[in-house]
Every structure is written in structure tokens, then in C-alpha cells.
PDB file of N, CA and C in Angstrom:
ATOM      1  N   MET A   1     171.761 183.060 135.316  1.00  0.00           N
ATOM      2  CA  MET A   1     171.710 184.515 135.428  1.00  0.00           C
ATOM      3  C   MET A   1     170.773 185.077 134.355  1.00  0.00           C
ATOM      4  N   THR A   2     169.889 185.945 134.771  1.00  0.00           N
ATOM      5  CA  THR A   2     168.899 186.475 133.829  1.00  0.00           C
ATOM      6  C   THR A   2     169.374 187.793 133.239  1.00  0.00           C
ATOM      7  N   TYR A   3     168.751 188.196 132.143  1.00  0.00           N
ATOM      8  CA  TYR A   3     169.134 189.461 131.490  1.00  0.00           C
ATOM      9  C   TYR A   3     168.869 190.639 132.417  1.00  0.00           C
ATOM     10  N   GLU A   4     167.883 190.501 133.299  1.00  0.00           N
ATOM     11  CA  GLU A   4     167.568 191.596 134.229  1.00  0.00           C
ATOM     12  C   GLU A   4     168.755 191.858 135.156  1.00  0.00           C
ATOM     13  N   ASP A   5     169.429 190.774 135.573  1.00  0.00           N
ATOM     14  CA  ASP A   5     170.594 190.951 136.448  1.00  0.00           C
ATOM     15  C   ASP A   5     171.654 191.795 135.745  1.00  0.00           C
ATOM     16  N   MET A   6     171.832 191.556 134.435  1.00  0.00           N
ATOM     17  CA  MET A   6     172.833 192.320 133.683  1.00  0.00           C
ATOM     18  C   MET A   6     172.471 193.799 133.679  1.00  0.00           C
ATOM     19  N   THR A   7     171.200 194.098 133.384  1.00  0.00           N
ATOM     20  CA  THR A   7     170.779 195.495 133.315  1.00  0.00           C
ATOM     21  C   THR A   7     170.908 196.136 134.692  1.00  0.00           C
ATOM     22  N   SER A   8     170.676 195.373 135.749  1.00  0.00           N
ATOM     23  CA  SER A   8     170.767 195.926 137.097  1.00  0.00           C
ATOM     24  C   SER A   8     172.209 196.337 137.384  1.00  0.00           C
ATOM     25  N   GLN A   9     173.168 195.622 136.803  1.00  0.00           N
ATOM     26  CA  GLN A   9     174.573 195.955 137.026  1.00  0.00           C
ATOM     27  C   GLN A   9     174.932 197.252 136.310  1.00  0.00           C
ATOM     28  N   GLY A  10     174.192 197.560 135.236  1.00  0.00           N
ATOM     29  CA  GLY A  10     174.454 198.801 134.511  1.00  0.00           C
ATOM     30  C   GLY A  10     175.647 198.674 133.588  1.00  0.00           C
ATOM     31  N   GLN A  11     176.180 197.454 133.407  1.00  0.00           N
ATOM     32  CA  GLN A  11     177.328 197.270 132.514  1.00  0.00           C
ATOM     33  C   GLN A  11     176.888 197.422 131.061  1.00  0.00           C
ATOM     34  N   GLY A  12     175.701 196.920 130.741  1.00  0.00           N
ATOM     35  CA  GLY A  12     175.208 197.026 129.381  1.00  0.00           C
ATOM     36  C   GLY A  12     175.936 196.076 128.445  1.00  0.00           C
ATOM     37  N   ASP A  13     176.731 195.153 128.980  1.00  0.00           N
ATOM     38  CA  ASP A  13     177.453 194.207 128.123  1.00  0.00           C
ATOM     39  C   ASP A  13     176.583 192.992 127.843  1.00  0.00           C
ATOM     40  N   PRO A  14     176.757 192.366 126.680  1.00  0.00           N
ATOM     41  CA  PRO A  14     175.990 191.164 126.342  1.00  0.00           C
ATOM     42  C   PRO A  14     176.257 190.049 127.348  1.00  0.00           C
ATOM     43  N   PRO A  15     175.335 189.097 127.487  1.00  0.00           N
ATOM     44  CA  PRO A  15     175.477 188.012 128.464  1.00  0.00           C
ATOM     45  C   PRO A  15     176.759 187.229 128.240  1.00  0.00           C
ATOM     46  N   ARG A  16     177.203 187.132 126.995  1.00  0.00           N
ATOM     47  CA  ARG A  16     178.427 186.367 126.712  1.00  0.00           C
ATOM     48  C   ARG A  16     179.628 186.993 127.409  1.00  0.00           C
ATOM     49  N   LYS A  17     179.752 188.311 127.324  1.00  0.00           N
ATOM     50  CA  LYS A  17     180.896 188.976 127.962  1.00  0.00           C
ATOM     51  C   LYS A  17     180.791 188.844 129.480  1.00  0.00           C
ATOM     52  N   ASN A  18     179.572 188.984 129.990  1.00  0.00           N
ATOM     53  CA  ASN A  18     179.383 188.914 131.436  1.00  0.00           C
ATOM     54  C   ASN A  18     179.768 187.528 131.944  1.00  0.00           C
ATOM     55  N   GLU A  19     179.406 186.480 131.190  1.00  0.00           N
ATOM     56  CA  GLU A  19     179.731 185.116 131.612  1.00  0.00           C
ATOM     57  C   GLU A  19     181.241 184.913 131.611  1.00  0.00           C
ATOM     58  N   ARG A  20     181.910 185.481 130.621  1.00  0.00           N
ATOM     59  CA  ARG A  20     183.368 185.313 130.546  1.00  0.00           C
ATOM     60  C   ARG A  20     184.035 185.973 131.749  1.00  0.00           C
ATOM     61  N   ARG A  21     183.493 187.088 132.188  1.00  0.00           N
ATOM     62  CA  ARG A  21     184.101 187.776 133.335  1.00  0.00           C
ATOM     63  C   ARG A  21     183.941 186.945 134.606  1.00  0.00           C
ATOM     64  N   ARG A  22     182.779 186.332 134.770  1.00  0.00           N
ATOM     65  CA  ARG A  22     182.552 185.532 135.983  1.00  0.00           C
ATOM     66  C   ARG A  22     183.213 184.164 135.873  1.00  0.00           C
ATOM     67  N   ALA A  23     183.382 183.675 134.648  1.00  0.00           N
ATOM     68  CA  ALA A  23     183.996 182.353 134.450  1.00  0.00           C
ATOM     69  C   ALA A  23     185.382 182.287 135.103  1.00  0.00           C
ATOM     70  N   PRO A  24     186.279 183.222 134.819  1.00  0.00           N
ATOM     71  CA  PRO A  24     187.614 183.184 135.418  1.00  0.00           C
ATOM     72  C   PRO A  24     187.559 183.213 136.945  1.00  0.00           C
ATOM     73  N   LEU A  25     186.547 183.850 137.499  1.00  0.00           N
ATOM     74  CA  LEU A  25     186.428 183.901 138.955  1.00  0.00           C
ATOM     75  C   LEU A  25     186.068 182.527 139.501  1.00  0.00           C
ATOM     76  N   ARG A  26     185.258 181.779 138.763  1.00  0.00           N
ATOM     77  CA  ARG A  26     184.855 180.449 139.235  1.00  0.00           C
ATOM     78  C   ARG A  26     185.968 179.429 139.016  1.00  0.00           C
ATOM     79  N   ILE A  27     186.774 179.621 137.996  1.00  0.00           N
ATOM     80  CA  ILE A  27     187.829 178.643 137.680  1.00  0.00           C
ATOM     81  C   ILE A  27     188.861 178.530 138.818  1.00  0.00           C
ATOM     82  N   PRO A  28     189.416 179.637 139.310  1.00  0.00           N
ATOM     83  CA  PRO A  28     190.430 179.549 140.368  1.00  0.00           C
ATOM     84  C   PRO A  28     189.886 178.984 141.673  1.00  0.00           C
ATOM     85  N   ARG A  29     188.595 179.092 141.894  1.00  0.00           N
ATOM     86  CA  ARG A  29     188.040 178.608 143.173  1.00  0.00           C
ATOM     87  C   ARG A  29     188.048 177.081 143.266  1.00  0.00           C
ATOM     88  N   PRO A  30     187.483 176.352 142.283  1.00  0.00           N
ATOM     89  CA  PRO A  30     187.450 174.887 142.357  1.00  0.00           C
ATOM     90  C   PRO A  30     188.837 174.277 142.565  1.00  0.00           C
ATOM     91  N   PRO A  31     189.866 174.641 141.761  1.00  0.00           N
ATOM     92  CA  PRO A  31     191.204 174.078 141.932  1.00  0.00           C
ATOM     93  C   PRO A  31     191.751 174.343 143.335  1.00  0.00           C
ATOM     94  N   ALA A  32     191.451 175.504 143.871  1.00  0.00           N
ATOM     95  CA  ALA A  32     191.951 175.841 145.204  1.00  0.00           C
ATOM     96  C   ALA A  32     191.336 174.906 146.245  1.00  0.00           C
ATOM     97  N   VAL A  33     190.057 174.551 146.035  1.00  0.00           N
ATOM     98  CA  VAL A  33     189.375 173.680 147.002  1.00  0.00           C
ATOM     99  C   VAL A  33     189.855 172.243 146.843  1.00  0.00           C
ATOM    100  N   THR A  34     190.021 171.810 145.589  1.00  0.00           N
ATOM    101  CA  THR A  34     190.413 170.421 145.343  1.00  0.00           C
ATOM    102  C   THR A  34     191.883 170.212 145.700  1.00  0.00           C
ATOM    103  N   SER A  35     192.729 171.226 145.492  1.00  0.00           N
ATOM    104  CA  SER A  35     194.163 171.061 145.767  1.00  0.00           C
ATOM    105  C   SER A  35     194.400 171.080 147.278  1.00  0.00           C
ATOM    106  N   PRO A  36     195.084 170.081 147.812  1.00  0.00           N
ATOM    107  CA  PRO A  36     195.369 170.028 149.262  1.00  0.00           C
ATOM    108  C   PRO A  36     196.344 171.131 149.649  1.00  0.00           C
ATOM    109  N   SER A  37     195.935 172.003 150.560  1.00  0.00           N
ATOM    110  CA  SER A  37     196.825 173.103 150.933  1.00  0.00           C
ATOM    111  C   SER A  37     197.620 172.733 152.187  1.00  0.00           C
TER     112      SER A  37
END
């Protein structure tokens, strides 16, 4: 993800905060796929 994407969102938050927000979204997805439902 580039800095331009951050500015386009208008959040104005540093890349570190933005990554943390998306990180939790990616975490629940992999376990859901790997876990047999």
C-alpha cells in the first residue's frame, strides 16, 4: 500500500496505524478459510 492510497482515504493517519486497522481484518479471514466449517 502506497502513501498516496492513505491520502486518498482522507484519514491522514500514519501508515503504521492504517496497517494495524487492516491487519485485524486479514487475521480473521485466514483462520476462517483454514478451519473446516
